[in-house]
N, C-alpha and C. Protein backbone atom coordinates (compact mmCIF):
# COMPACT_ATOMS: atom_id res chain seq x y z
N MET A 1 33.99 5.03 -0.18
CA MET A 1 33.45 3.83 0.35
C MET A 1 33.89 3.02 -0.55
N LYS A 2 33.79 2.00 -0.47
CA LYS A 2 33.67 0.44 -1.25
C LYS A 2 31.77 0.47 -1.08
N GLU A 3 31.67 -0.24 -2.22
CA GLU A 3 30.61 -0.67 -2.55
C GLU A 3 30.38 -2.08 -3.29
N GLY A 4 29.00 -2.84 -2.88
CA GLY A 4 29.19 -4.14 -3.55
C GLY A 4 27.98 -3.86 -4.63
N ILE A 5 28.09 -4.37 -5.58
CA ILE A 5 27.32 -4.05 -6.76
C ILE A 5 26.84 -5.43 -7.33
N LYS A 6 25.82 -5.84 -7.54
CA LYS A 6 25.22 -7.12 -8.14
C LYS A 6 24.18 -7.17 -9.04
N ASN A 7 24.11 -7.91 -10.00
CA ASN A 7 22.85 -7.92 -11.30
C ASN A 7 22.36 -8.91 -11.01
N PHE A 8 21.11 -9.03 -10.79
CA PHE A 8 20.32 -10.22 -10.66
C PHE A 8 19.37 -10.45 -12.04
N ILE A 9 19.71 -11.68 -12.48
CA ILE A 9 18.60 -11.94 -13.74
C ILE A 9 17.57 -12.98 -13.30
N ASN A 10 16.41 -12.72 -13.38
CA ASN A 10 15.31 -13.80 -12.67
C ASN A 10 14.52 -14.29 -14.14
N GLN A 11 14.99 -15.76 -13.92
CA GLN A 11 14.44 -16.56 -15.37
C GLN A 11 13.63 -17.66 -14.27
N SER A 12 13.40 -17.74 -13.34
CA SER A 12 12.59 -18.63 -12.26
C SER A 12 10.99 -18.73 -13.01
N GLY A 13 10.37 -17.63 -13.39
CA GLY A 13 9.13 -17.58 -14.00
C GLY A 13 8.51 -16.81 -12.73
N LYS A 14 8.78 -16.28 -11.62
CA LYS A 14 8.41 -16.21 -10.25
C LYS A 14 8.51 -14.96 -10.06
N ASP A 15 7.55 -13.80 -9.31
CA ASP A 15 8.10 -12.52 -8.82
C ASP A 15 8.63 -13.02 -7.76
N LEU A 16 10.18 -12.30 -7.85
CA LEU A 16 10.86 -12.75 -6.37
C LEU A 16 11.16 -11.44 -5.28
N THR A 17 11.25 -11.82 -3.90
CA THR A 17 11.87 -11.03 -2.82
C THR A 17 12.98 -11.74 -2.69
N ILE A 18 14.07 -10.92 -2.83
CA ILE A 18 15.22 -11.26 -2.31
C ILE A 18 15.92 -10.47 -1.17
N THR A 19 16.55 -11.30 -0.28
CA THR A 19 17.01 -11.00 0.58
C THR A 19 18.76 -11.29 0.85
N LEU A 20 19.63 -10.12 0.98
CA LEU A 20 20.87 -10.43 0.25
C LEU A 20 21.46 -10.81 1.80
N PHE A 21 22.33 -11.27 2.35
CA PHE A 21 23.02 -11.06 3.81
C PHE A 21 24.27 -10.63 3.44
N ILE A 22 24.97 -9.48 3.84
CA ILE A 22 26.11 -9.02 3.46
C ILE A 22 27.03 -8.78 4.98
N ARG A 23 28.17 -9.51 4.46
CA ARG A 23 29.49 -10.10 5.45
C ARG A 23 30.21 -8.73 5.84
N GLU A 24 30.17 -8.87 7.10
CA GLU A 24 30.95 -7.60 7.56
C GLU A 24 32.48 -8.48 7.94
N GLY A 25 33.50 -8.02 7.04
CA GLY A 25 34.63 -8.95 7.45
C GLY A 25 35.20 -9.84 6.43
N ASP A 26 35.90 -10.55 7.05
CA ASP A 26 36.30 -11.84 6.37
C ASP A 26 35.47 -13.02 6.57
N PRO A 27 34.99 -13.86 8.24
CA PRO A 27 34.57 -14.79 8.41
C PRO A 27 32.97 -14.65 7.83
N PRO A 28 32.66 -15.66 7.21
CA PRO A 28 31.26 -15.62 6.81
C PRO A 28 30.36 -15.62 7.63
N ASP A 29 30.47 -15.93 8.94
CA ASP A 29 29.35 -15.88 10.10
C ASP A 29 29.10 -14.55 10.73
N ASP A 30 30.13 -13.35 9.97
CA ASP A 30 29.99 -12.02 10.76
C ASP A 30 28.86 -11.17 9.88
N GLU A 31 27.67 -11.18 9.95
CA GLU A 31 27.13 -10.48 9.43
C GLU A 31 26.89 -8.90 9.41
N GLY A 32 26.94 -8.32 8.20
CA GLY A 32 27.01 -6.69 8.36
C GLY A 32 25.93 -6.07 8.44
N GLY A 33 24.63 -6.78 7.35
CA GLY A 33 23.52 -5.91 7.38
C GLY A 33 22.86 -6.96 6.69
N ARG A 34 21.66 -6.58 6.01
CA ARG A 34 20.65 -7.36 5.13
C ARG A 34 19.65 -6.16 4.27
N LEU A 35 19.56 -6.46 3.20
CA LEU A 35 18.71 -5.71 1.95
C LEU A 35 17.86 -6.38 1.54
N VAL A 36 16.61 -5.82 1.31
CA VAL A 36 15.82 -6.86 0.66
C VAL A 36 15.29 -5.92 -0.78
N VAL A 37 15.31 -6.58 -1.88
CA VAL A 37 14.89 -6.19 -2.98
C VAL A 37 13.99 -7.04 -3.89
N ILE A 38 12.98 -6.43 -4.64
CA ILE A 38 11.78 -7.36 -5.36
C ILE A 38 12.67 -7.63 -7.00
N VAL A 39 12.55 -8.38 -7.74
CA VAL A 39 12.80 -8.84 -8.81
C VAL A 39 11.80 -9.79 -9.58
N PRO A 40 11.21 -8.54 -10.69
CA PRO A 40 9.95 -9.40 -11.48
C PRO A 40 10.06 -10.73 -12.25
N LYS A 41 9.35 -11.43 -12.17
CA LYS A 41 9.68 -12.76 -13.08
C LYS A 41 9.97 -12.17 -14.46
N ASP A 42 11.18 -12.97 -15.18
CA ASP A 42 11.85 -12.27 -16.50
C ASP A 42 12.53 -11.29 -16.21
N GLY A 43 12.71 -10.31 -15.32
CA GLY A 43 13.43 -9.37 -14.93
C GLY A 43 14.79 -9.21 -14.54
N LYS A 44 15.44 -7.92 -14.70
CA LYS A 44 16.79 -8.13 -14.26
C LYS A 44 16.81 -6.60 -13.24
N LEU A 45 17.75 -6.73 -12.46
CA LEU A 45 17.56 -5.55 -11.22
C LEU A 45 19.31 -5.41 -10.97
N GLU A 46 19.73 -4.19 -10.99
CA GLU A 46 21.02 -3.97 -10.49
C GLU A 46 20.76 -3.58 -8.91
N VAL A 47 21.81 -4.25 -8.09
CA VAL A 47 21.61 -3.66 -6.67
C VAL A 47 22.97 -3.54 -6.15
N VAL A 48 22.93 -2.11 -5.56
CA VAL A 48 24.34 -1.46 -4.87
C VAL A 48 23.96 -1.72 -3.56
N TYR A 49 24.95 -2.05 -2.59
CA TYR A 49 25.12 -2.40 -1.23
C TYR A 49 26.15 -1.86 -0.40
N THR A 50 25.83 -1.61 0.71
CA THR A 50 27.18 -1.28 1.59
C THR A 50 27.27 -1.84 3.01
N GLY A 51 26.14 -2.69 3.41
CA GLY A 51 25.58 -2.99 4.55
C GLY A 51 25.18 -1.94 5.23
N GLU A 52 25.17 -2.09 7.12
CA GLU A 52 24.44 -0.93 7.96
C GLU A 52 25.33 0.31 7.61
N PRO A 53 23.97 1.25 7.74
CA PRO A 53 24.29 2.59 7.90
C PRO A 53 25.80 2.63 8.41
N GLY A 54 26.70 3.24 7.71
CA GLY A 54 27.70 3.97 8.60
C GLY A 54 29.29 2.96 8.40
N SER A 55 28.57 2.12 7.96
CA SER A 55 29.34 0.72 7.49
C SER A 55 30.35 1.06 6.30
N GLU A 56 31.64 0.75 6.06
CA GLU A 56 32.49 0.96 4.81
C GLU A 56 32.98 -0.54 4.33
N GLY A 57 33.00 -0.50 3.29
CA GLY A 57 33.66 -1.78 2.38
C GLY A 57 33.15 -3.18 2.76
N LEU A 58 31.38 -3.08 3.09
CA LEU A 58 30.85 -4.61 3.34
C LEU A 58 30.88 -4.79 1.74
N VAL A 59 31.26 -5.45 1.16
CA VAL A 59 30.98 -5.91 -0.51
C VAL A 59 30.67 -7.28 -0.76
N PHE A 60 30.79 -7.86 0.29
CA PHE A 60 30.89 -9.36 0.08
C PHE A 60 29.56 -9.88 0.44
N LEU A 61 28.84 -11.06 -0.16
CA LEU A 61 27.81 -11.69 0.71
C LEU A 61 27.85 -12.73 1.50
N ASN A 62 26.95 -12.83 2.37
CA ASN A 62 27.02 -14.01 3.01
C ASN A 62 26.01 -15.03 2.52
N GLY A 63 25.02 -14.58 1.94
CA GLY A 63 24.22 -15.67 1.34
C GLY A 63 22.79 -15.05 0.87
N LEU A 64 21.86 -15.54 0.42
CA LEU A 64 20.86 -14.87 -0.43
C LEU A 64 19.08 -15.84 0.08
N LEU A 65 18.45 -15.00 0.25
CA LEU A 65 17.15 -15.86 0.44
C LEU A 65 16.10 -15.34 -0.61
N PHE A 66 15.58 -16.16 -1.37
CA PHE A 66 14.61 -16.19 -2.32
C PHE A 66 13.01 -16.38 -1.59
N GLU A 67 12.07 -15.42 -2.00
CA GLU A 67 10.72 -15.75 -1.55
C GLU A 67 9.75 -15.42 -2.42
N TRP A 68 8.74 -16.16 -2.64
CA TRP A 68 7.34 -16.03 -3.73
C TRP A 68 6.49 -16.53 -3.08
N GLN A 69 5.26 -15.73 -3.81
CA GLN A 69 4.13 -16.53 -3.50
C GLN A 69 3.76 -18.08 -4.32
N GLU A 70 3.20 -19.01 -3.74
CA GLU A 70 2.65 -20.24 -4.58
C GLU A 70 1.04 -20.28 -3.54
N GLY A 71 0.10 -19.86 -4.93
CA GLY A 71 -1.11 -20.05 -4.18
C GLY A 71 -1.03 -18.75 -3.25
N GLY A 72 -2.13 -18.92 -2.30
CA GLY A 72 -2.08 -17.94 -0.77
C GLY A 72 -0.99 -18.04 -0.10
N ASP A 73 0.14 -18.95 -0.48
CA ASP A 73 1.34 -19.14 0.63
C ASP A 73 2.68 -18.49 0.03
N MET A 74 3.28 -17.97 1.46
CA MET A 74 4.75 -17.32 0.94
C MET A 74 5.64 -18.32 1.24
N VAL A 75 6.59 -18.71 0.35
CA VAL A 75 7.74 -20.18 0.28
C VAL A 75 8.98 -19.46 0.00
N GLY A 76 10.01 -20.23 0.03
CA GLY A 76 11.21 -19.76 0.09
C GLY A 76 12.24 -20.72 0.04
N VAL A 77 13.42 -20.40 -0.49
CA VAL A 77 14.68 -21.21 -0.05
C VAL A 77 15.69 -20.20 -0.06
N SER A 78 16.63 -20.38 0.78
CA SER A 78 17.93 -19.77 0.93
C SER A 78 19.39 -20.49 1.09
N GLN A 79 20.14 -19.89 0.95
CA GLN A 79 21.50 -20.63 0.95
C GLN A 79 22.47 -19.63 1.53
N ARG A 80 23.14 -20.16 2.25
CA ARG A 80 24.73 -19.63 2.95
C ARG A 80 25.68 -19.74 2.63
N VAL A 81 26.77 -19.26 2.61
CA VAL A 81 28.00 -19.20 2.97
C VAL A 81 28.56 -20.19 3.81
N VAL A 82 28.99 -21.37 3.89
CA VAL A 82 29.37 -22.05 5.23
C VAL A 82 30.93 -21.37 5.69
N THR A 83 31.98 -21.46 4.32
CA THR A 83 33.23 -21.28 4.63
C THR A 83 33.79 -20.70 3.45
N ARG A 84 34.45 -19.66 3.88
CA ARG A 84 35.29 -18.59 2.90
C ARG A 84 35.79 -19.39 1.78
N GLY A 85 35.64 -19.26 0.52
CA GLY A 85 36.00 -20.07 -0.60
C GLY A 85 35.43 -21.12 -1.13
N ASP A 86 34.10 -21.51 -0.43
CA ASP A 86 33.05 -22.82 -0.80
C ASP A 86 32.60 -22.41 -2.11
N ALA A 87 31.96 -23.20 -2.88
CA ALA A 87 31.43 -23.35 -4.03
C ALA A 87 30.62 -21.82 -4.05
N TRP A 88 29.48 -21.69 -3.06
CA TRP A 88 28.71 -20.87 -3.11
C TRP A 88 29.06 -19.47 -2.90
N ASP A 89 30.33 -19.36 -2.08
CA ASP A 89 31.05 -18.28 -1.77
C ASP A 89 31.76 -17.61 -2.94
N ASN A 90 32.07 -18.31 -3.75
CA ASN A 90 32.83 -17.89 -5.12
C ASN A 90 31.63 -17.61 -5.97
N THR A 91 30.71 -18.12 -5.98
CA THR A 91 29.33 -17.78 -6.77
C THR A 91 28.81 -16.80 -6.63
N LEU A 92 28.74 -15.90 -5.05
CA LEU A 92 27.86 -14.85 -4.70
C LEU A 92 29.10 -13.91 -5.00
N ASN A 93 30.65 -14.07 -4.85
CA ASN A 93 31.55 -13.00 -4.52
C ASN A 93 32.73 -13.01 -5.60
N THR A 94 32.86 -13.51 -6.81
CA THR A 94 33.59 -13.71 -7.50
C THR A 94 32.77 -13.27 -8.99
N ASN A 95 31.57 -13.07 -8.75
CA ASN A 95 30.76 -12.98 -9.87
C ASN A 95 30.00 -11.40 -9.94
N ASN A 96 29.78 -10.61 -10.62
CA ASN A 96 28.95 -9.54 -10.86
C ASN A 96 27.59 -9.69 -10.97
N THR A 97 27.16 -11.37 -11.47
CA THR A 97 25.66 -11.32 -12.31
C THR A 97 25.28 -12.63 -11.49
N ILE A 98 24.13 -12.69 -10.99
CA ILE A 98 23.48 -14.04 -10.34
C ILE A 98 22.11 -14.19 -11.29
N THR A 99 22.26 -15.59 -12.05
CA THR A 99 20.97 -16.00 -12.47
C THR A 99 20.58 -16.80 -12.13
N ILE A 100 19.22 -16.42 -11.67
CA ILE A 100 18.10 -17.64 -10.93
C ILE A 100 17.47 -18.21 -12.03
N GLY A 101 17.45 -19.29 -11.70
CA GLY A 101 16.75 -20.28 -12.54
C GLY A 101 15.44 -20.98 -11.94
N ALA A 102 15.49 -22.49 -11.82
CA ALA A 102 14.62 -23.28 -11.30
C ALA A 102 14.42 -22.64 -9.53
N LEU A 103 13.22 -22.83 -9.26
CA LEU A 103 12.91 -22.43 -7.71
C LEU A 103 12.01 -23.52 -7.33
N ALA A 104 12.26 -23.92 -6.03
CA ALA A 104 11.12 -24.69 -5.23
C ALA A 104 11.24 -24.72 -4.18
N ALA A 105 10.15 -24.79 -3.42
CA ALA A 105 10.72 -24.88 -1.85
C ALA A 105 11.95 -25.69 -1.33
N GLY A 106 12.89 -25.37 -1.03
CA GLY A 106 13.75 -26.23 -0.74
C GLY A 106 15.22 -26.57 -1.71
N GLN A 107 14.84 -25.94 -3.00
CA GLN A 107 15.75 -26.08 -3.84
C GLN A 107 15.76 -25.15 -4.79
N LEU A 108 17.32 -24.83 -5.27
CA LEU A 108 17.63 -23.47 -5.78
C LEU A 108 18.60 -23.91 -6.75
N THR A 109 18.14 -23.06 -7.93
CA THR A 109 19.09 -23.24 -8.93
C THR A 109 19.65 -21.75 -9.33
N ALA A 110 20.85 -21.45 -9.20
CA ALA A 110 21.45 -20.10 -9.54
C ALA A 110 22.82 -20.21 -10.04
N THR A 111 22.99 -19.61 -10.80
CA THR A 111 24.58 -19.33 -11.25
C THR A 111 25.48 -18.04 -11.35
N GLY A 112 26.69 -18.05 -11.06
CA GLY A 112 26.98 -16.49 -11.44
C GLY A 112 28.32 -16.33 -12.87
N SER A 113 28.21 -15.48 -13.27
CA SER A 113 28.95 -14.72 -14.18
C SER A 113 29.32 -13.59 -14.06
N ASN A 114 30.41 -13.25 -14.73
CA ASN A 114 30.88 -11.76 -14.92
C ASN A 114 30.29 -11.32 -16.22
N THR A 115 29.32 -10.15 -16.36
CA THR A 115 29.04 -9.72 -17.75
C THR A 115 29.15 -8.36 -17.71
């Protein structure tokens, strides 16, 4: 069984709850499952995912949702892949490490690398 592996580096200064939207097949609008993980501020986490139970080969991501506490409110920002091969698709699916920088409601700074 194939599996996806991503390393998340949280440089946002916030404790993050991250939802991974896992792709089923080639089209980015085909969702094969979701996985929720927590990455503490200034922390790192390796995440291994395969999609829904019984699915095989769901190694690509369709997007990420980042959520955090601000005061008493939970706020967040998400970004989804619109088209296969677009900039966000390449960031998520051609890199094994995603570094999360500045976050604000409606704004996301994240980069990909292979480390």
